Protein backbone atom coordinates (compact mmCIF):
# COMPACT_ATOMS: atom_id res chain seq x y z
CA ASP A 1 29.56 -22.09 2.15
CA LYS A 2 26.56 -20.53 3.84
CA LEU A 3 24.60 -17.30 3.66
CA THR A 4 24.94 -14.87 6.52
CA VAL A 5 22.01 -12.53 7.12
CA GLN A 6 22.32 -9.36 9.16
CA TYR A 7 19.72 -6.71 9.96
CA ASN A 8 20.61 -3.08 10.63
CA ARG A 9 18.85 0.23 10.99
CA SER A 10 17.66 1.56 7.68
CA SER A 11 17.68 5.02 6.16
CA GLY A 12 14.77 4.18 3.88
CA PRO A 13 11.03 4.82 4.16
CA GLY A 14 9.25 4.35 7.45
CA GLY A 15 9.30 7.58 9.44
CA GLN A 16 10.11 7.04 13.12
CA ASN A 17 10.01 3.28 12.59
CA VAL A 18 13.40 3.64 10.85
CA ASN A 19 14.96 4.91 14.07
CA LYS A 20 13.69 2.03 16.21
CA VAL A 21 13.70 -1.16 14.15
CA ASN A 22 16.47 -2.98 12.28
CA THR A 23 14.81 -3.35 8.88
CA LYS A 24 17.77 -3.14 6.48
CA ALA A 25 18.71 -6.64 5.31
CA GLU A 26 22.25 -7.56 4.34
CA VAL A 27 23.02 -10.99 2.87
CA ARG A 28 26.64 -12.10 2.45
CA PHE A 29 28.58 -15.20 1.59
CA ASN A 30 32.13 -16.11 0.67
CA VAL A 31 32.20 -16.65 -3.09
CA SER A 32 35.26 -18.92 -3.18
CA GLN A 33 33.72 -21.26 -0.57
CA ALA A 34 30.21 -21.36 -2.07
CA SER A 35 30.26 -24.94 -3.34
CA TRP A 36 26.54 -24.66 -4.13
CA ILE A 37 27.41 -22.29 -7.02
CA PRO A 38 29.18 -23.78 -10.08
CA TYR A 39 32.80 -22.69 -10.46
CA THR A 40 32.21 -20.83 -13.74
CA VAL A 41 29.38 -18.81 -12.18
CA ARG A 42 31.55 -18.01 -9.14
CA SER A 43 34.33 -16.75 -11.42
CA THR A 44 31.90 -14.56 -13.33
CA LEU A 45 30.42 -13.19 -10.09
CA GLU A 46 33.88 -12.24 -8.86
CA GLU A 47 34.89 -10.60 -12.14
CA LEU A 48 31.72 -8.63 -12.83
CA ASN A 49 30.81 -7.61 -9.27
CA GLU A 50 34.04 -6.52 -7.60
CA ASN A 51 32.20 -3.53 -6.10
CA ARG A 52 29.86 -5.90 -4.20
CA MET A 53 32.72 -7.81 -2.56
CA ASN A 54 34.78 -6.96 0.51
CA LYS A 55 38.43 -7.76 1.21
CA LYS A 56 37.47 -11.10 2.80
CA GLY A 57 35.96 -12.24 -0.50
CA GLU A 58 32.39 -11.94 0.77
CA PHE A 59 29.72 -11.06 -1.76
CA ILE A 60 27.32 -8.54 -0.19
CA ILE A 61 23.76 -7.70 -1.21
CA ALA A 62 21.79 -5.20 0.88
CA SER A 63 18.29 -3.77 0.72
CA ASP A 64 16.45 -1.11 2.70
CA ARG A 65 13.70 -0.37 0.17
CA PHE A 66 10.88 -1.69 2.35
CA ARG A 67 9.62 -1.22 5.90
CA THR A 68 10.00 -4.83 7.02
CA GLN A 69 12.94 -7.17 7.49
CA MET A 70 11.32 -9.96 5.51
CA ALA A 71 10.50 -7.76 2.51
CA ASN A 72 14.09 -6.46 2.44
CA PHE A 73 15.47 -10.00 2.79
CA ASP A 74 13.27 -11.15 -0.11
CA ASP A 75 14.52 -8.18 -2.14
CA CYS A 76 18.13 -9.23 -1.49
CA ILE A 77 17.40 -12.78 -2.66
CA GLN A 78 15.57 -11.50 -5.76
CA ASN A 79 18.52 -9.24 -6.62
CA PHE A 80 20.90 -12.17 -6.22
CA MET A 81 18.75 -14.37 -8.46
CA ARG A 82 18.76 -11.63 -11.13
CA LEU A 83 22.55 -11.50 -11.00
CA LEU A 84 22.77 -15.26 -11.49
CA SER A 85 20.45 -15.32 -14.50
């Protein structure tokens, strides 16, 4: 029912910063338990985005486009909003 956010080391831009700081953002949630998403939208998410889901039924969005955790987290949320619209 909740979002889980994880930060990992990125392979994106940033030079040596990439080797030292966990800037890659990964947002995941269990689609079937996400009561905050209408059932029809959940069904569509599951059908159209099988490649973004793991075996546990978690929907995963990741970003390492930017040099900061917050920018990558914002990018994950923006990508998710685009998928919903």
